[in-house]
């Protein structure tokens, strides 16, 4: 009755298992029930292998009644473990193996050559469980391995109990396998759903700038998968001419104007330290690989960030490294069509990481291909808009009969630049003749209509920068005037015809700002575009401004 009650407790716990991780608790209960029946083994555990395996995984009981982490042992090298395989292959329900003398000494000498085993026995000895000088292994076989009970003396009265518990444990292990299979299927479905969300976001893109929404979605879905020890994710992309762009996805932020990646760095690959982690990742041509970064690597990476203007990000990373006493970081990387997808882990990646990165990488490749297609289409549309705007300016210029009509032309220029989404406070023509006073035909947000100003040269930055470019026959240049330099120019303008143009409030506003300018210089006329935000125009914008200047 006691034996059947003990078996029933194990069966009940088996049926109550909801997760495969509960195998350890159920196994521990089984061994506790054995001891409660008055059979105190020196040690007990279970060993798992399939018929074709040459290595088994051993899970031994710990002194505190739990189950130790599994470790692998060959089935083909040492006599005791060879007996494991032979007895199960024969169909033995129970195999008794007596170990003593040289056989036992050889057994433990071999045992302690295996990874992690020596440390385990040292801990057992410290807990008051020294190595035996005599032992009997009782191996109760079942379809996936055996239960092992190690005693110091024969216990024939327990043999049938061992066999009966092995039959119950076979049910336990079968349920474990069923739960493990169900969990694997659920995990696969979870990963596939996460990938599908990223793919759906990619397919929903209508503008190239929405690539950042896809990147943010990819980052959120990867993090939501609860991958153990993952702390960051990065995308590397080729931008041609040895230029690599690096997006640190862990730093992505959602702002009112859209997503922003603070750690967004574009760098020349050849110029970098060959030991730098980002260079090693990029130059590795394997489809999937793991790069390991040590403390020296952290120092190189922090310096790399600071050299690329990311001091704040570098300081945050350095603080994290110090706080966590981080010594190693594992970078699991998947090759993309145009780059690499990388996740950073505190410990070596698990087996599922390659599958996750492969699927996420495929989804990102779809998004990036769509991004490139949209960008190409947008560039074609933009070019058509620019050409139409230039044609309108060109037509109005060709219809000019006198210089006063430059006011009408600058008005058209202003309208067309606004339609092209340029941000500016005023746009002007100026005569390209340093022997005369400067004449400006200006359209401005501060004026109800375009106006002409005649302003003599003054030794200030506004004129000196322009004159230097004129004397050097430069066709295009940009500058940023400080607030003080801008005040000098505006006061000069007010003195020479602008006093009635601006209100007191407008003058105060203008003289509280600096000014960024882009200037296209042609043989007879100069085109100037300016903003008071002191934000220089982009390279793409400047090319368009230069094209507008060439119309004249």
Protein backbone atom coordinates (compact mmCIF):
# COMPACT_ATOMS: atom_id res chain seq x y z
CA UNK A 1 0.00 0.00 0.00
CA UNK A 2 2.83 2.38 0.85
CA UNK A 3 4.56 1.65 -2.46
CA UNK A 4 1.36 2.15 -4.46
CA UNK A 5 0.65 5.41 -2.62
CA UNK A 6 4.18 6.65 -3.41
CA UNK A 7 3.75 5.70 -7.06
CA UNK A 8 0.36 7.46 -7.15
CA UNK A 9 1.91 10.67 -5.83
CA UNK A 10 4.39 10.62 -8.71
CA UNK A 11 1.62 9.82 -11.22
CA UNK A 12 -0.51 12.69 -9.91
CA UNK A 13 2.37 15.12 -10.11
CA UNK A 14 3.05 13.89 -13.64
CA UNK A 15 -0.52 14.57 -14.74
CA UNK A 16 -0.39 18.03 -13.11
CA UNK A 17 2.61 19.06 -15.18
CA UNK A 18 1.75 22.12 -17.32
CA UNK A 19 5.25 23.00 -18.52
CA UNK A 20 8.22 20.89 -19.53
CA UNK A 21 10.33 22.74 -16.94
CA UNK A 22 8.38 20.85 -14.24
CA UNK A 23 10.22 17.62 -15.10
CA UNK A 24 12.86 18.50 -12.51
CA UNK A 25 10.29 18.92 -9.73
CA UNK A 26 8.52 15.67 -10.63
CA UNK A 27 11.83 13.78 -10.73
CA UNK A 28 12.81 15.17 -7.33
CA UNK A 29 9.44 14.01 -5.93
CA UNK A 30 10.06 10.51 -7.30
CA UNK A 31 13.42 10.24 -5.54
CA UNK A 32 11.94 11.62 -2.31
CA UNK A 33 9.27 8.91 -2.40
CA UNK A 34 11.98 6.27 -2.81
CA UNK A 35 13.72 7.55 0.32
CA UNK A 36 10.44 7.69 2.28
CA UNK A 37 10.04 3.98 1.54
CA UNK A 38 13.21 3.38 3.58
CA UNK A 39 15.59 2.98 0.64
CA UNK A 40 18.28 5.65 1.19
CA UNK A 41 20.47 5.69 -1.93
CA UNK A 42 23.80 7.51 -1.78
CA UNK A 43 22.75 9.21 -4.97
CA UNK A 44 20.06 8.90 -7.61
CA UNK A 45 19.19 10.40 -10.92
CA UNK A 46 17.97 9.73 -14.43
CA UNK A 47 19.83 9.37 -17.71
CA UNK A 48 18.36 10.09 -21.12
CA UNK A 49 19.39 8.87 -24.57
CA UNK A 50 17.76 7.46 -27.66
CA UNK A 51 18.73 4.14 -29.26
CA UNK A 52 21.04 5.64 -31.89
CA UNK A 53 22.81 8.08 -29.51
CA UNK A 54 26.45 7.68 -28.43
CA UNK A 55 26.14 10.27 -25.65
CA UNK A 56 23.59 10.48 -22.83
CA UNK A 57 22.48 13.39 -20.66
CA UNK A 58 22.67 12.70 -16.94
CA UNK A 59 20.51 14.47 -14.35
CA UNK A 60 21.65 13.62 -10.83
CA UNK A 61 20.02 14.49 -7.54
CA UNK A 62 21.54 17.29 -5.50
CA UNK A 63 22.20 17.12 -1.73
CA UNK A 64 19.30 19.54 -1.11
CA UNK A 65 16.79 17.19 -2.76
CA UNK A 66 16.63 18.90 -6.13
CA UNK A 67 17.95 17.89 -9.54
CA UNK A 68 21.28 19.19 -10.84
CA UNK A 69 21.73 20.70 -14.28
CA UNK A 70 22.22 18.01 -16.93
CA UNK A 71 25.64 17.15 -18.27
CA UNK A 72 26.63 14.94 -21.19
CA UNK A 73 28.59 11.70 -20.93
CA UNK A 74 29.77 9.35 -23.72
CA UNK A 75 28.22 5.88 -23.81
CA UNK A 76 31.21 4.32 -25.57
CA UNK A 77 34.35 5.19 -23.55
CA UNK A 78 34.18 3.88 -19.97
CA UNK A 79 32.99 0.43 -18.87
CA UNK A 80 30.31 1.60 -16.43
CA UNK A 81 28.63 3.76 -19.05
CA UNK A 82 29.04 1.13 -21.76
CA UNK A 83 26.96 -1.11 -19.44
CA UNK A 84 24.17 1.52 -19.55
CA UNK A 85 23.71 1.10 -23.29
CA UNK A 86 24.27 -2.69 -23.29
CA UNK A 87 21.70 -3.35 -20.57
CA UNK A 88 18.96 -1.29 -22.24
CA UNK A 89 19.76 -2.78 -25.67
CA UNK A 90 19.30 -6.26 -24.12
CA UNK A 91 15.92 -5.22 -22.75
CA UNK A 92 16.94 -5.56 -19.08
CA UNK A 93 14.28 -4.15 -16.77
CA UNK A 94 16.93 -3.79 -14.06
CA UNK A 95 20.69 -4.08 -14.29
CA UNK A 96 22.89 -4.35 -11.19
CA UNK A 97 26.47 -3.12 -11.56
CA UNK A 98 28.82 -3.52 -8.56
CA UNK A 99 31.78 -1.10 -8.53
CA UNK A 100 34.75 -1.45 -6.17
CA UNK A 101 38.53 -1.35 -6.07
CA UNK A 102 40.37 -0.38 -9.25
CA UNK A 103 37.14 -0.45 -11.26
CA UNK A 104 35.55 2.19 -9.03
CA UNK A 105 38.72 4.30 -8.90
CA UNK A 106 39.04 4.20 -12.72
CA UNK A 107 35.36 5.10 -13.01
CA UNK A 108 35.69 8.29 -10.93
CA UNK A 109 39.00 9.24 -12.50
CA UNK A 110 37.31 9.13 -15.89
CA UNK A 111 34.23 10.88 -14.52
CA UNK A 112 36.25 13.88 -13.40
CA UNK A 113 37.81 14.41 -16.82
CA UNK A 114 34.40 15.37 -18.18
CA UNK A 115 33.44 19.08 -18.39
CA UNK A 116 31.71 20.32 -15.23
CA UNK A 117 31.83 16.99 -13.38
CA UNK A 118 34.83 17.63 -11.12
CA UNK A 119 33.25 20.81 -9.75
CA UNK A 120 30.03 18.91 -9.00
CA UNK A 121 31.83 16.26 -6.91
CA UNK A 122 33.81 18.94 -5.06
CA UNK A 123 30.52 20.60 -4.05
CA UNK A 124 29.09 17.23 -2.91
CA UNK A 125 32.21 16.59 -0.82
CA UNK A 126 31.92 20.04 0.79
CA UNK A 127 28.29 19.22 1.62
CA UNK A 128 29.39 16.01 3.42
CA UNK A 129 29.05 13.53 0.57
CA UNK A 130 32.57 12.16 -0.17
CA UNK A 131 33.24 9.74 -3.00
CA UNK A 132 32.41 6.13 -2.04
CA UNK A 133 34.89 3.26 -1.90
CA UNK A 134 32.17 0.78 -2.82
CA UNK A 135 28.89 1.28 -4.66
CA UNK A 136 26.15 -0.58 -6.46
CA UNK A 137 24.47 0.97 -9.47
CA UNK A 138 20.84 -0.08 -9.92
CA UNK A 139 19.77 0.80 -13.47
CA UNK A 140 16.00 0.61 -14.02
CA UNK A 141 15.62 0.94 -17.77
CA UNK A 142 12.75 2.54 -19.70
CA UNK A 143 12.26 3.50 -23.35
CA UNK A 144 14.24 6.80 -23.20
CA UNK A 145 17.01 5.88 -20.74
CA UNK A 146 17.20 4.71 -17.15
CA UNK A 147 16.63 5.61 -13.52
CA UNK A 148 19.83 5.14 -11.56
CA UNK A 149 19.93 4.42 -7.82
CA UNK A 150 23.38 4.21 -6.23
CA UNK A 151 23.59 2.40 -2.87
CA UNK A 152 26.42 1.37 -0.56
CA UNK A 153 25.08 -2.14 -0.01
CA UNK A 154 22.85 -4.68 -1.74
CA UNK A 155 19.07 -4.08 -1.45
CA UNK A 156 17.32 -6.96 -3.28
CA UNK A 157 14.01 -6.07 -1.59
CA UNK A 158 14.04 -2.74 -3.52
CA UNK A 159 14.61 -4.18 -6.99
CA UNK A 160 10.92 -4.51 -7.82
CA UNK A 161 10.32 -0.98 -6.44
CA UNK A 162 12.98 0.43 -8.74
CA UNK A 163 11.36 -1.28 -11.74
CA UNK A 164 7.89 -0.01 -10.83
CA UNK A 165 9.14 3.55 -10.37
CA UNK A 166 10.88 3.33 -13.77
CA UNK A 167 7.53 2.46 -15.37
CA UNK A 168 5.94 5.51 -13.72
CA UNK A 169 8.86 7.69 -14.73
CA UNK A 170 8.42 6.55 -18.31
CA UNK A 171 4.94 8.12 -18.14
CA UNK A 172 6.48 11.24 -16.62
CA UNK A 173 9.07 11.52 -19.35
CA UNK A 174 6.51 10.85 -22.09
CA UNK A 175 4.38 13.73 -20.72
CA UNK A 176 7.51 15.89 -20.61
CA UNK A 177 8.15 15.15 -24.29
CA UNK A 178 4.53 15.93 -25.16
CA UNK A 179 4.69 19.24 -23.28
CA UNK A 180 8.05 20.05 -24.85
CA UNK A 181 6.65 19.39 -28.33
CA UNK A 182 3.57 21.54 -27.63
CA UNK A 183 5.76 24.34 -26.27
CA UNK A 184 8.00 24.17 -29.33
CA UNK A 185 4.95 24.42 -31.58
CA UNK A 186 3.59 27.35 -29.56
CA UNK A 187 6.98 29.06 -29.66
CA UNK A 188 7.19 28.52 -33.42
CA UNK A 189 3.73 30.04 -33.80
CA UNK A 190 4.74 32.99 -31.60
CA UNK A 191 7.86 33.62 -33.68
CA UNK A 192 5.95 33.29 -36.96
CA UNK A 193 3.30 35.73 -35.74
CA UNK A 194 5.98 38.24 -34.72
CA UNK A 195 7.61 37.92 -38.14
CA UNK A 196 4.23 38.30 -39.85
CA UNK A 197 3.61 41.56 -37.97
CA UNK A 198 6.93 42.92 -39.23
CA UNK A 199 6.14 41.72 -42.77
CA UNK A 200 2.67 43.33 -42.63
CA UNK A 201 4.23 46.60 -41.51
CA UNK A 202 6.64 46.39 -44.44
CA UNK A 203 3.87 45.77 -46.95
CA UNK A 204 1.88 48.69 -45.53
CA UNK A 205 4.67 51.16 -46.35
CA UNK A 206 3.58 53.99 -48.66
CA UNK A 207 6.54 56.34 -48.15
CA UNK A 208 10.23 55.50 -47.87
CA UNK A 209 10.49 57.34 -44.54
CA UNK A 210 8.17 54.69 -43.05
CA UNK A 211 11.15 52.28 -43.03
CA UNK A 212 11.80 53.53 -39.49
CA UNK A 213 8.33 52.34 -38.45
CA UNK A 214 9.23 48.88 -39.74
CA UNK A 215 12.57 49.01 -37.88
CA UNK A 216 10.75 50.01 -34.67
CA UNK A 217 8.26 47.18 -35.18
CA UNK A 218 11.08 44.67 -35.73
CA UNK A 219 12.77 45.81 -32.52
CA UNK A 220 9.50 45.58 -30.53
CA UNK A 221 8.70 42.10 -31.85
CA UNK A 222 12.21 40.77 -31.15
CA UNK A 223 12.10 42.09 -27.60
CA UNK A 224 8.56 40.71 -27.08
CA UNK A 225 9.83 37.19 -27.81
CA UNK A 226 11.51 37.19 -24.37
CA UNK A 227 14.78 35.87 -25.70
CA UNK A 228 16.95 35.10 -22.65
CA UNK A 229 19.67 37.67 -21.92
CA UNK A 230 19.05 39.85 -25.00
CA UNK A 231 19.92 43.51 -24.31
CA UNK A 232 20.14 45.18 -27.73
CA UNK A 233 19.66 44.83 -31.47
CA UNK A 234 21.49 46.47 -34.37
CA UNK A 235 21.10 46.71 -38.13
CA UNK A 236 24.10 47.35 -40.39
CA UNK A 237 23.45 48.52 -43.97
CA UNK A 238 25.74 49.18 -46.93
CA UNK A 239 25.40 52.66 -48.42
CA UNK A 240 28.03 52.13 -51.12
CA UNK A 241 31.57 53.47 -51.52
CA UNK A 242 32.76 51.63 -48.36
CA UNK A 243 30.16 53.49 -46.27
CA UNK A 244 28.32 51.49 -43.62
CA UNK A 245 25.27 52.73 -41.72
CA UNK A 246 24.65 51.42 -38.22
CA UNK A 247 21.24 51.62 -36.49
CA UNK A 248 21.22 50.72 -32.78
CA UNK A 249 17.58 49.62 -32.46
CA UNK A 250 17.64 49.62 -28.67
CA UNK A 251 17.99 53.42 -28.77
CA UNK A 252 15.05 54.05 -31.14
CA UNK A 253 12.63 56.71 -29.90
CA UNK A 254 9.14 57.75 -31.04
CA UNK A 255 8.83 61.51 -31.32
CA UNK A 256 5.97 63.68 -32.59
CA UNK A 257 7.62 63.94 -36.01
CA UNK A 258 8.27 60.19 -36.21
CA UNK A 259 10.86 57.66 -35.10
CA UNK A 260 14.43 58.67 -34.33
CA UNK A 261 17.52 56.51 -33.80
CA UNK A 262 19.96 58.44 -31.57
CA UNK A 263 22.72 55.91 -32.25
CA UNK A 264 22.61 56.24 -36.05
CA UNK A 265 26.17 56.24 -37.40
CA UNK A 266 27.52 56.17 -40.94
CA UNK A 267 31.22 55.36 -41.19
CA UNK A 268 33.96 54.38 -43.63
CA UNK A 269 34.82 50.74 -43.07
CA UNK A 270 38.45 50.83 -44.24
CA UNK A 271 39.32 53.57 -41.79
CA UNK A 272 38.37 51.51 -38.73
CA UNK A 273 40.43 49.44 -36.29
CA UNK A 274 40.44 45.83 -37.62
CA UNK A 275 39.65 44.61 -34.08
CA UNK A 276 36.59 46.85 -33.74
CA UNK A 277 33.48 44.70 -33.28
CA UNK A 278 31.46 46.52 -35.95
CA UNK A 279 34.21 45.94 -38.52
CA UNK A 280 34.50 42.26 -37.62
CA UNK A 281 30.73 41.82 -37.91
CA UNK A 282 30.60 43.50 -41.30
CA UNK A 283 33.54 41.61 -42.78
CA UNK A 284 32.34 38.16 -41.63
CA UNK A 285 30.72 36.60 -44.71
CA UNK A 286 29.03 33.65 -42.97
CA UNK A 287 25.26 33.46 -43.21
CA UNK A 288 24.93 33.20 -39.42
CA UNK A 289 27.68 33.63 -36.85
CA UNK A 290 28.45 34.80 -33.33
CA UNK A 291 31.03 37.49 -32.56
CA UNK A 292 32.28 37.79 -28.97
CA UNK A 293 33.24 41.17 -27.57
CA UNK A 294 35.46 41.45 -24.47
CA UNK A 295 36.44 44.38 -22.25
CA UNK A 296 39.03 45.62 -24.76
CA UNK A 297 36.32 45.46 -27.40
CA UNK A 298 34.03 47.60 -25.21
CA UNK A 299 36.75 50.25 -24.97
CA UNK A 300 37.18 50.30 -28.76
CA UNK A 301 33.40 50.55 -29.29
CA UNK A 302 33.00 53.44 -26.81
CA UNK A 303 35.82 55.31 -28.53
CA UNK A 304 34.18 54.63 -31.90
CA UNK A 305 30.89 56.13 -30.69
CA UNK A 306 32.61 59.22 -29.28
CA UNK A 307 34.59 59.76 -32.48
CA UNK A 308 31.29 59.73 -34.35
CA UNK A 309 29.63 62.38 -32.18
CA UNK A 310 27.70 59.96 -29.94
CA UNK A 311 29.24 60.87 -26.59
CA UNK A 312 25.94 60.72 -24.70
CA UNK A 313 25.19 57.24 -25.99
CA UNK A 314 28.75 56.11 -25.23
CA UNK A 315 28.47 57.44 -21.67
CA UNK A 316 25.21 55.52 -21.12
CA UNK A 317 26.76 52.29 -22.42
CA UNK A 318 29.87 52.78 -20.29
CA UNK A 319 27.70 53.28 -17.20
CA UNK A 320 25.78 50.06 -18.01
CA UNK A 321 29.04 48.11 -18.41
CA UNK A 322 30.32 49.36 -15.04
CA UNK A 323 27.02 48.83 -13.24
CA UNK A 324 26.60 45.25 -14.49
CA UNK A 325 30.34 44.45 -14.40
CA UNK A 326 29.98 43.19 -17.94
CA UNK A 327 32.97 41.15 -19.15
CA UNK A 328 31.72 39.54 -22.37
CA UNK A 329 28.99 40.23 -24.90
CA UNK A 330 27.79 37.80 -27.56
CA UNK A 331 26.65 39.24 -30.91
CA UNK A 332 24.49 36.80 -32.91
CA UNK A 333 24.49 38.03 -36.51
CA UNK A 334 22.42 37.13 -39.59
CA UNK A 335 23.43 38.19 -43.08
CA UNK A 336 20.87 40.36 -44.91
CA UNK A 337 20.66 41.16 -48.62
CA UNK A 338 22.24 44.54 -47.93
CA UNK A 339 23.73 44.21 -44.48
CA UNK A 340 23.55 42.39 -41.13
CA UNK A 341 20.93 41.97 -38.40
CA UNK A 342 22.53 41.53 -34.97
CA UNK A 343 21.22 40.94 -31.46
CA UNK A 344 23.44 41.36 -28.39
CA UNK A 345 23.27 38.79 -25.59
CA UNK A 346 24.82 38.46 -22.15
CA UNK A 347 25.32 34.71 -22.67
CA UNK A 348 25.93 32.45 -25.69
CA UNK A 349 22.84 32.36 -27.94
CA UNK A 350 20.44 29.44 -27.70
CA UNK A 351 19.66 27.20 -30.66
CA UNK A 352 16.48 29.11 -31.59
CA UNK A 353 18.33 32.42 -32.18
CA UNK A 354 19.46 31.50 -35.70
CA UNK A 355 15.89 30.63 -36.72
CA UNK A 356 14.52 33.86 -35.22
CA UNK A 357 17.14 36.04 -36.92
CA UNK A 358 16.70 34.21 -40.23
CA UNK A 359 12.95 34.82 -40.26
CA UNK A 360 13.22 38.41 -39.01
CA UNK A 361 16.01 39.03 -41.52
CA UNK A 362 13.78 37.85 -44.37
CA UNK A 363 11.02 40.22 -43.19
CA UNK A 364 13.47 43.12 -43.02
CA UNK A 365 14.85 42.31 -46.48
CA UNK A 366 11.27 42.61 -47.77
CA UNK A 367 10.89 45.96 -46.01
CA UNK A 368 14.21 47.26 -47.31
CA UNK A 369 13.43 46.22 -50.87
CA UNK A 370 10.12 48.06 -50.61
CA UNK A 371 11.96 51.03 -49.08
CA UNK A 372 14.33 51.17 -52.05
CA UNK A 373 11.44 50.85 -54.55
CA UNK A 374 9.51 53.63 -52.80
CA UNK A 375 12.59 55.79 -52.58
CA UNK A 376 13.20 55.37 -56.31
CA UNK A 377 9.58 56.22 -57.11
CA UNK A 378 9.71 59.23 -54.77
CA UNK A 379 12.93 60.42 -56.40
CA UNK A 380 11.29 60.21 -59.82
CA UNK A 381 8.23 62.12 -58.57
CA UNK A 382 10.44 64.68 -56.85
CA UNK A 383 12.47 65.17 -60.01
CA UNK A 384 9.29 65.74 -62.01
CA UNK A 385 8.15 68.33 -59.44
CA UNK A 386 11.53 70.09 -59.54
CA UNK A 387 11.56 70.20 -63.33
CA UNK A 388 8.02 71.60 -63.38
CA UNK A 389 9.01 74.27 -60.84
CA UNK A 390 12.13 75.18 -62.81
CA UNK A 391 10.10 75.40 -66.00
CA UNK A 392 7.66 77.85 -64.39
CA UNK A 393 10.57 80.03 -63.24
CA UNK A 394 12.25 79.69 -66.62
CA UNK A 395 9.06 80.73 -68.46
CA UNK A 396 8.61 83.81 -66.29
CA UNK A 397 12.27 84.75 -66.71
CA UNK A 398 12.06 84.44 -70.50
CA UNK A 399 9.02 86.73 -70.51
CA UNK A 400 10.93 89.51 -68.72
CA UNK A 401 11.38 92.79 -70.60
CA UNK A 402 12.85 95.03 -67.87
CA UNK A 403 14.80 94.61 -64.65
CA UNK A 404 11.87 95.69 -62.45
CA UNK A 405 10.20 92.43 -63.40
CA UNK A 406 12.79 90.59 -61.30
CA UNK A 407 10.37 91.19 -58.43
CA UNK A 408 7.79 89.08 -60.26
CA UNK A 409 10.39 86.44 -60.99
CA UNK A 410 11.58 86.22 -57.36
CA UNK A 411 7.93 85.91 -56.34
CA UNK A 412 7.59 82.90 -58.67
CA UNK A 413 10.84 81.43 -57.28
CA UNK A 414 9.47 81.81 -53.75
CA UNK A 415 6.19 80.14 -54.67
CA UNK A 416 7.91 77.21 -56.37
CA UNK A 417 10.35 76.62 -53.51
CA UNK A 418 7.45 76.61 -51.05
CA UNK A 419 5.65 74.05 -53.21
CA UNK A 420 8.82 71.93 -53.02
CA UNK A 421 8.58 72.09 -49.19
CA UNK A 422 11.65 74.28 -48.65
CA UNK A 423 11.82 75.97 -45.25
CA UNK A 424 13.03 79.55 -45.63
CA UNK A 425 12.36 83.06 -44.34
CA UNK A 426 13.34 84.85 -47.53
CA UNK A 427 14.72 84.29 -51.02
CA UNK A 428 16.57 86.98 -52.96
CA UNK A 429 18.27 87.86 -56.21
CA UNK A 430 21.40 90.04 -56.00
CA UNK A 431 23.50 91.59 -58.75
CA UNK A 432 26.88 89.93 -59.24
CA UNK A 433 29.03 93.07 -59.56
CA UNK A 434 31.40 93.99 -56.73
CA UNK A 435 32.06 97.40 -58.34
CA UNK A 436 28.49 98.51 -57.54
CA UNK A 437 26.26 98.68 -54.49
CA UNK A 438 24.38 95.46 -53.87
CA UNK A 439 20.81 95.36 -55.16
CA UNK A 440 18.49 92.78 -53.67
CA UNK A 441 15.12 91.66 -55.09
CA UNK A 442 13.58 89.88 -52.10
CA UNK A 443 10.48 87.83 -51.33
CA UNK A 444 10.04 87.34 -47.59
CA UNK A 445 7.52 86.12 -45.07
CA UNK A 446 8.01 89.45 -43.32
CA UNK A 447 6.87 91.46 -46.34
CA UNK A 448 3.44 91.70 -47.98
CA UNK A 449 5.02 91.76 -51.46
CA UNK A 450 8.50 91.37 -53.00
CA UNK A 451 10.75 94.39 -52.58
CA UNK A 452 13.99 95.79 -53.95
CA UNK A 453 16.74 97.06 -51.65
CA UNK A 454 19.89 99.03 -52.58
CA UNK A 455 22.55 98.52 -49.92
CA UNK A 456 26.15 99.71 -50.15
CA UNK A 457 28.95 97.33 -49.20
CA UNK A 458 29.86 97.28 -45.49
CA UNK A 459 32.74 95.46 -43.83
CA UNK A 460 30.62 92.83 -42.12
CA UNK A 461 30.39 89.04 -42.42
CA UNK A 462 27.22 89.10 -44.50
CA UNK A 463 28.99 90.96 -47.31
CA UNK A 464 32.53 89.68 -46.75
CA UNK A 465 31.55 86.01 -47.08
CA UNK A 466 29.69 86.77 -50.30
CA UNK A 467 32.43 88.96 -51.73
CA UNK A 468 35.11 86.36 -51.01
CA UNK A 469 33.09 83.78 -52.96
CA UNK A 470 32.59 86.25 -55.82
CA UNK A 471 36.30 87.03 -56.03
CA UNK A 472 37.16 83.32 -56.08
CA UNK A 473 34.54 82.67 -58.78
CA UNK A 474 32.86 80.09 -56.56
CA UNK A 475 29.54 78.97 -58.08
CA UNK A 476 27.90 77.85 -54.83
CA UNK A 477 28.56 78.23 -51.13
CA UNK A 478 26.81 78.12 -47.76
CA UNK A 479 27.36 79.91 -44.48
CA UNK A 480 25.75 80.52 -41.10
CA UNK A 481 25.74 84.03 -39.65
CA UNK A 482 25.78 84.35 -35.88
CA UNK A 483 23.13 86.42 -34.13
CA UNK A 484 25.60 89.32 -33.81
CA UNK A 485 26.54 89.13 -37.50
CA UNK A 486 22.88 88.99 -38.44
CA UNK A 487 22.13 92.07 -36.31
CA UNK A 488 24.88 93.99 -38.14
CA UNK A 489 23.31 93.13 -41.49
CA UNK A 490 19.73 93.86 -40.45
CA UNK A 491 20.59 97.26 -38.99
CA UNK A 492 22.40 98.07 -42.23
CA UNK A 493 19.32 96.99 -44.20
CA UNK A 494 17.04 99.13 -42.03
CA UNK A 495 19.32 102.10 -42.60
CA UNK A 496 19.15 101.67 -46.37
CA UNK A 497 15.52 101.27 -47.24
CA UNK A 498 14.14 98.69 -44.85
CA UNK A 499 12.95 100.91 -41.99
CA UNK A 500 9.35 100.99 -43.20
CA UNK A 501 9.19 97.34 -44.15
CA UNK A 502 9.23 95.54 -40.79
CA UNK A 503 7.25 96.15 -37.61
CA UNK A 504 8.98 96.61 -34.25
CA UNK A 505 8.04 93.04 -33.24
CA UNK A 506 9.37 91.67 -36.52
CA UNK A 507 12.66 93.56 -36.10
CA UNK A 508 13.06 92.21 -32.57
CA UNK A 509 12.41 88.67 -33.78
CA UNK A 510 14.80 88.95 -36.72
CA UNK A 511 17.60 90.35 -34.58
CA UNK A 512 17.18 87.57 -32.00
CA UNK A 513 18.30 84.93 -34.49
CA UNK A 514 21.25 83.87 -36.58
CA UNK A 515 20.85 83.02 -40.25
CA UNK A 516 21.76 80.06 -42.46
CA UNK A 517 22.25 80.81 -46.16
CA UNK A 518 22.69 78.82 -49.37
CA UNK A 519 23.94 80.96 -52.27
CA UNK A 520 24.14 80.15 -55.99
CA UNK A 521 26.44 82.56 -57.86
CA UNK A 522 26.04 82.99 -61.63
CA UNK A 523 27.86 85.45 -63.95
CA UNK A 524 25.17 88.15 -63.71
CA UNK A 525 22.95 87.28 -60.79
CA UNK A 526 23.08 85.64 -57.36
CA UNK A 527 20.30 83.54 -55.77
CA UNK A 528 20.17 83.52 -51.95
CA UNK A 529 17.96 81.31 -49.78
CA UNK A 530 17.98 81.89 -46.00
CA UNK A 531 16.36 80.73 -42.77
CA UNK A 532 16.49 82.17 -39.25
CA UNK A 533 16.63 78.75 -37.60
CA UNK A 534 20.36 78.62 -38.49
CA UNK A 535 19.78 75.14 -39.89
CA UNK A 536 21.94 74.52 -42.97
CA UNK A 537 20.17 73.11 -46.00
CA UNK A 538 20.84 69.49 -46.86
CA UNK A 539 23.09 68.40 -49.68
CA UNK A 540 20.01 67.42 -51.69
CA UNK A 541 18.37 70.83 -51.03
CA UNK A 542 21.52 72.68 -52.06
CA UNK A 543 21.64 70.84 -55.38
CA UNK A 544 18.09 72.02 -56.08
CA UNK A 545 18.92 75.60 -55.06
CA UNK A 546 21.91 75.49 -57.39
CA UNK A 547 19.65 74.34 -60.24
CA UNK A 548 17.28 77.24 -59.57
CA UNK A 549 20.26 79.59 -59.74
CA UNK A 550 21.30 78.18 -63.11
CA UNK A 551 17.95 79.16 -64.65
CA UNK A 552 19.24 82.73 -64.80
